Every structure is written in structure tokens, then in C-alpha cells.
């Protein structure tokens, strides 16, 4: 029983909850973001409109790299949280040099976490843009494409110029519209599938921002704990010497 209580006392609950939140956000963002981009790029742009954008394709690889980097960084912060909690802190940061190095590490982690948090805030705002486009195109699908059998929608075609997207050719700026019934139906299917994925990616980005903010709080607390660990150990030693 004492060993279990001691183990609970060594657990950094703040860092642990932040790690779970961050890993959940990373997994949600990378998985759904990759799928949403695949449906948008390969489905809508390449298969339906014949537009190939090489630099957008590399974003899918960047998502996976972000996931690996953020996962490793979360493990580093969690390890630092374990080292800065309970009796582990008193043993590991008992000397002056170890305490100073621990405080420097905490400051460095806080700076990196703050920078990453700022970057992910910008990413969160960026992830809101596809959701807005999804709402607009979804409305087009429901009120125009799915009602194209009405007389005022005969010979209906959907051009990307309505959304400010053009195809640059040697003859000028030309846009190929979708007029075939099957192509228009496939477009709406891709939109209905990709839209929720973008929403989940936005939610994952919000979880990442929340996890990084929780890490900032935990790191600030760990910094103060490491700072006071040496003084606390000296005080306990003085009390034990006086009692003896």
C-alpha cells in the first residue's frame, strides 16, 4: 500500500493529462487531415478537374512529420514532468548543478512550447478555412446540383471560378467546368466525405493547442518545484538533525 501511494506521489498528473490531450489531438489532426487532403486533391482536383498541384501533395507528408515530432516532444515533456515530481525531484535535483540545469531545461521547454503553441494557433485558424469552403460547396450541392433537374437549372455546370480557382494555360486563363451528371454527383460525394474530416482535423488542432497550454502551466509549476527542492531538502535535514 505504501509503495502504491509513493508511486502516485511520483506521477505528474498535469503533464500526464497534457500528454494524453496532445497525443489525442495529434492523432486526430494527422489522420483526418491526411484523409481530407487525399479526398480533396486526388478526388476533386485530379480526377474531376484534372488539376495537379505538387506542393499541396507534400503537405500530407508534412502532417506525418508533424505528428512524429509532436509525439516525441510530448514524451520529452512527460519525462521531464516525472523527473520534477515527488521524491524523484528531491533525488534528481538535490545538488546545485542539477537544480540549475533543471531550471534551465524548464525555461527552454517553456520557450519551445510557447513557440509551438503560437504556431498551432495559426494552424487552427488556417484549418477553419476549409470548413468555410465545405459549408459553401455543400450548400451548392444541396440547392443546385441535387436540384439540377428543375427547368431553371438545365445544362448546369460548376466552374471553380466561383471560388477564385483558375487553370493557367498557354492560351490564357481557362477553366473547365463540371457538367456531367456523374461527375457532379461524385463531386458532392467527395465534399460530403472530406468536409467532416476537415472538421475533425480542426478539433484535433484545438486539442493540440489545449495540450500545449496545459504543458505551459505544468512547466511553470515544475520550474518552481525544482527551484525550491534544494531549500526544502536542507530544511528537512535541519529538522531531522534538531529532532535527533
Protein backbone atom coordinates (compact mmCIF):
# COMPACT_ATOMS: atom_id res chain seq x y z
CA UNK A 1 0.00 0.00 0.00
CA UNK A 2 2.82 2.38 0.86
CA UNK A 3 4.51 1.58 -2.44
CA UNK A 4 1.33 2.40 -4.35
CA UNK A 5 0.93 5.71 -2.51
CA UNK A 6 4.57 6.54 -3.22
CA UNK A 7 4.07 5.73 -6.91
CA UNK A 8 1.03 8.01 -7.06
CA UNK A 9 3.09 10.75 -5.45
CA UNK A 10 5.67 10.47 -8.21
CA UNK A 11 3.10 10.83 -11.01
CA UNK A 12 2.96 14.23 -12.77
CA UNK A 13 -0.78 14.41 -13.33
CA UNK A 14 -0.65 17.77 -15.10
CA UNK A 15 1.95 16.61 -17.61
CA UNK A 16 0.17 13.26 -18.00
CA UNK A 17 -3.18 14.86 -18.82
CA UNK A 18 -1.46 17.30 -21.18
CA UNK A 19 0.30 14.40 -22.94
CA UNK A 20 -2.96 12.50 -23.41
CA UNK A 21 -4.67 15.63 -24.75
CA UNK A 22 -1.77 16.42 -27.08
CA UNK A 23 -1.44 12.87 -28.43
CA UNK A 24 -5.20 12.71 -28.99
CA UNK A 25 -5.07 15.97 -30.91
CA UNK A 26 -2.05 14.93 -32.98
CA UNK A 27 -3.63 11.61 -33.93
CA UNK A 28 -6.93 13.26 -34.81
CA UNK A 29 -5.30 16.08 -36.77
CA UNK A 30 -2.86 13.95 -38.75
CA UNK A 31 -5.26 11.10 -39.50
CA UNK A 32 -8.29 13.10 -40.54
CA UNK A 33 -6.22 15.88 -42.15
CA UNK A 34 -4.39 13.37 -44.33
CA UNK A 35 -7.65 11.77 -45.39
CA UNK A 36 -9.33 15.11 -46.09
CA UNK A 37 -6.44 16.30 -48.26
CA UNK A 38 -6.42 12.99 -50.13
CA UNK A 39 -10.11 13.31 -50.95
CA UNK A 40 -9.72 16.95 -51.97
CA UNK A 41 -6.51 16.71 -54.00
CA UNK A 42 -6.79 13.27 -55.62
CA UNK A 43 -10.57 13.15 -55.76
CA UNK A 44 -11.79 16.62 -56.65
CA UNK A 45 -8.79 18.35 -58.23
CA UNK A 46 -7.04 15.46 -60.04
CA UNK A 47 -9.84 13.06 -61.00
CA UNK A 48 -12.63 15.51 -61.68
CA UNK A 49 -10.93 18.75 -62.76
CA UNK A 50 -7.57 17.41 -63.91
CA UNK A 51 -5.62 19.88 -61.75
CA UNK A 52 -2.39 18.62 -60.18
CA UNK A 53 -0.74 20.79 -57.51
CA UNK A 54 2.60 19.20 -56.50
CA UNK A 55 3.32 21.42 -53.50
CA UNK A 56 -0.05 20.64 -51.92
CA UNK A 57 0.75 16.95 -52.14
CA UNK A 58 3.78 17.44 -49.90
CA UNK A 59 1.51 18.79 -47.13
CA UNK A 60 0.36 15.23 -46.48
CA UNK A 61 3.95 14.23 -45.73
CA UNK A 62 4.37 17.30 -43.54
CA UNK A 63 1.36 16.20 -41.49
CA UNK A 64 3.03 12.87 -40.71
CA UNK A 65 6.31 14.59 -39.80
CA UNK A 66 4.42 16.98 -37.51
CA UNK A 67 2.79 14.02 -35.82
CA UNK A 68 6.10 12.28 -35.14
CA UNK A 69 7.81 15.47 -33.91
CA UNK A 70 4.94 16.46 -31.62
CA UNK A 71 4.74 12.92 -30.24
CA UNK A 72 8.48 12.89 -29.41
CA UNK A 73 8.24 16.34 -27.86
CA UNK A 74 5.30 15.21 -25.72
CA UNK A 75 7.33 12.24 -24.45
CA UNK A 76 10.21 14.57 -23.56
CA UNK A 77 7.91 16.85 -21.59
CA UNK A 78 6.30 13.90 -19.84
CA UNK A 79 9.72 12.53 -18.87
CA UNK A 80 10.71 15.94 -17.53
CA UNK A 81 7.45 16.00 -15.57
CA UNK A 82 8.30 12.66 -13.93
CA UNK A 83 11.77 13.92 -13.02
CA UNK A 84 10.28 17.06 -11.46
CA UNK A 85 7.63 15.39 -9.30
CA UNK A 86 7.73 13.96 -5.78
CA UNK A 87 10.71 12.14 -4.35
CA UNK A 88 12.22 11.79 -7.82
CA UNK A 89 12.69 15.56 -7.92
CA UNK A 90 14.35 15.61 -4.49
CA UNK A 91 16.80 12.90 -5.51
CA UNK A 92 17.48 14.04 -9.06
CA UNK A 93 17.75 17.80 -8.42
CA UNK A 94 19.28 17.72 -4.95
CA UNK A 95 22.63 19.29 -5.90
CA UNK A 96 23.10 22.89 -7.00
CA UNK A 97 24.31 21.99 -10.52
CA UNK A 98 21.41 19.59 -11.13
CA UNK A 99 18.91 22.15 -9.85
CA UNK A 100 20.31 24.84 -12.12
CA UNK A 101 20.27 22.52 -15.13
CA UNK A 102 16.70 21.53 -14.31
CA UNK A 103 15.58 25.16 -14.14
CA UNK A 104 17.34 25.94 -17.43
CA UNK A 105 15.69 22.90 -19.03
CA UNK A 106 12.29 24.06 -17.77
CA UNK A 107 12.81 27.53 -19.24
CA UNK A 108 13.92 26.08 -22.60
CA UNK A 109 10.91 23.77 -22.71
CA UNK A 110 8.59 26.68 -21.88
CA UNK A 111 10.04 28.79 -24.69
CA UNK A 112 9.73 25.94 -27.23
CA UNK A 113 6.20 25.14 -26.03
CA UNK A 114 5.18 28.79 -26.31
CA UNK A 115 6.52 28.99 -29.89
CA UNK A 116 4.77 25.75 -30.85
CA UNK A 117 1.56 26.92 -29.23
CA UNK A 118 1.66 30.14 -31.27
CA UNK A 119 2.29 28.15 -34.46
CA UNK A 120 -0.60 25.79 -33.74
CA UNK A 121 -2.90 28.70 -33.01
CA UNK A 122 -2.15 29.94 -36.53
CA UNK A 123 -2.72 26.40 -37.84
CA UNK A 124 -6.08 26.27 -36.06
CA UNK A 125 -7.23 29.46 -37.79
CA UNK A 126 -5.94 28.06 -41.10
CA UNK A 127 -7.90 24.82 -40.56
CA UNK A 128 -11.09 26.85 -40.26
CA UNK A 129 -10.83 27.96 -43.91
CA UNK A 130 -11.59 24.52 -45.47
CA UNK A 131 -14.61 24.25 -43.16
CA UNK A 132 -15.99 27.53 -44.51
CA UNK A 133 -15.41 26.33 -48.09
CA UNK A 134 -17.03 22.99 -47.22
CA UNK A 135 -20.16 24.78 -45.95
CA UNK A 136 -20.38 26.84 -49.15
CA UNK A 137 -19.86 23.90 -51.55
CA UNK A 138 -22.21 21.72 -49.51
CA UNK A 139 -24.88 24.39 -49.95
CA UNK A 140 -24.19 24.41 -53.70
CA UNK A 141 -24.60 20.63 -53.81
CA UNK A 142 -27.89 20.68 -51.93
CA UNK A 143 -29.53 23.67 -53.61
CA UNK A 144 -28.11 23.50 -57.12
CA UNK A 145 -26.53 20.16 -58.11
CA UNK A 146 -29.14 17.97 -56.42
CA UNK A 147 -31.89 20.16 -57.94
CA UNK A 148 -30.44 20.39 -61.44
CA UNK A 149 -33.46 18.60 -62.93
CA UNK A 150 -35.54 21.73 -62.49
CA UNK A 151 -36.11 23.89 -65.55
CA UNK A 152 -34.06 26.83 -64.33
CA UNK A 153 -31.03 24.58 -63.80
CA UNK A 154 -30.94 22.89 -67.19
CA UNK A 155 -27.45 22.42 -68.68
CA UNK A 156 -26.00 23.13 -65.26
CA UNK A 157 -22.18 23.35 -64.97
CA UNK A 158 -19.99 24.05 -61.95
CA UNK A 159 -16.80 26.05 -62.53
CA UNK A 160 -14.07 26.61 -59.99
CA UNK A 161 -14.04 30.30 -60.92
CA UNK A 162 -16.89 30.74 -58.45
CA UNK A 163 -14.31 30.07 -55.73
CA UNK A 164 -11.46 32.04 -57.31
CA UNK A 165 -9.58 29.00 -58.73
CA UNK A 166 -8.25 29.22 -62.28
CA UNK A 167 -6.19 26.99 -64.57
CA UNK A 168 -3.26 28.75 -66.18
CA UNK A 169 -2.65 27.56 -69.74
CA UNK A 170 -0.55 28.88 -72.61
CA UNK A 171 -3.69 30.35 -74.21
CA UNK A 172 -4.69 32.31 -71.15
CA UNK A 173 -6.70 31.63 -68.05
CA UNK A 174 -9.24 28.94 -68.79
CA UNK A 175 -11.47 26.91 -66.52
CA UNK A 176 -13.06 23.58 -67.24
CA UNK A 177 -16.47 23.18 -65.64
CA UNK A 178 -18.19 20.02 -64.49
CA UNK A 179 -21.37 19.47 -66.47
CA UNK A 180 -21.74 15.70 -66.50
CA UNK A 181 -24.29 14.34 -64.05
CA UNK A 182 -21.99 11.57 -62.81
CA UNK A 183 -19.08 13.97 -62.25
CA UNK A 184 -21.27 16.37 -60.33
CA UNK A 185 -22.57 13.55 -58.15
CA UNK A 186 -19.03 12.39 -57.45
CA UNK A 187 -18.05 15.94 -56.56
CA UNK A 188 -20.76 16.12 -53.92
CA UNK A 189 -19.76 12.71 -52.56
CA UNK A 190 -16.17 13.88 -52.18
CA UNK A 191 -17.36 17.06 -50.49
CA UNK A 192 -19.63 15.17 -48.08
CA UNK A 193 -16.75 12.84 -47.18
CA UNK A 194 -13.98 15.44 -46.92
CA UNK A 195 -15.96 18.07 -45.00
CA UNK A 196 -16.33 16.13 -41.73
CA UNK A 197 -12.65 15.14 -41.97
CA UNK A 198 -11.68 18.82 -42.06
CA UNK A 199 -13.92 19.42 -39.04
CA UNK A 200 -12.21 16.62 -37.13
CA UNK A 201 -8.80 18.00 -38.12
CA UNK A 202 -9.85 21.39 -36.76
CA UNK A 203 -10.90 19.72 -33.50
CA UNK A 204 -7.55 17.92 -33.33
CA UNK A 205 -5.74 21.21 -33.75
CA UNK A 206 -7.76 22.67 -30.88
CA UNK A 207 -6.79 19.70 -28.70
CA UNK A 208 -3.12 20.30 -29.55
CA UNK A 209 -3.38 23.97 -28.54
CA UNK A 210 -5.11 22.97 -25.30
CA UNK A 211 -2.44 20.35 -24.54
CA UNK A 212 0.38 22.84 -25.14
CA UNK A 213 -1.29 25.38 -22.84
CA UNK A 214 -1.55 22.72 -20.15
CA UNK A 215 2.12 21.95 -20.65
CA UNK A 216 2.98 25.62 -20.09
CA UNK A 217 1.19 25.52 -16.74
CA UNK A 218 2.87 22.26 -15.76
CA UNK A 219 6.33 23.51 -16.78
CA UNK A 220 5.88 26.71 -14.77
CA UNK A 221 4.95 24.62 -11.74
CA UNK A 222 7.90 22.28 -12.27
CA UNK A 223 10.26 25.25 -12.52
CA UNK A 224 9.16 26.48 -9.10
CA UNK A 225 9.37 23.00 -7.61
CA UNK A 226 12.90 22.49 -8.85
CA UNK A 227 13.83 25.94 -7.59
CA UNK A 228 12.63 25.11 -4.07
CA UNK A 229 13.77 21.46 -3.97
CA UNK A 230 17.26 22.17 -2.61
CA UNK A 231 15.97 24.57 0.08
CA UNK A 232 13.31 22.05 1.10
CA UNK A 233 15.88 19.26 1.42
CA UNK A 234 18.17 21.43 3.55
CA UNK A 235 15.23 22.39 5.77
CA UNK A 236 14.25 18.75 6.30
CA UNK A 237 17.82 17.82 7.09
CA UNK A 238 17.97 20.63 9.67
CA UNK A 239 14.68 19.49 11.25
CA UNK A 240 15.85 15.86 11.42
CA UNK A 241 19.15 16.96 12.99
CA UNK A 242 17.32 19.07 15.59
CA UNK A 243 14.97 16.18 16.46
CA UNK A 244 17.87 13.79 16.92
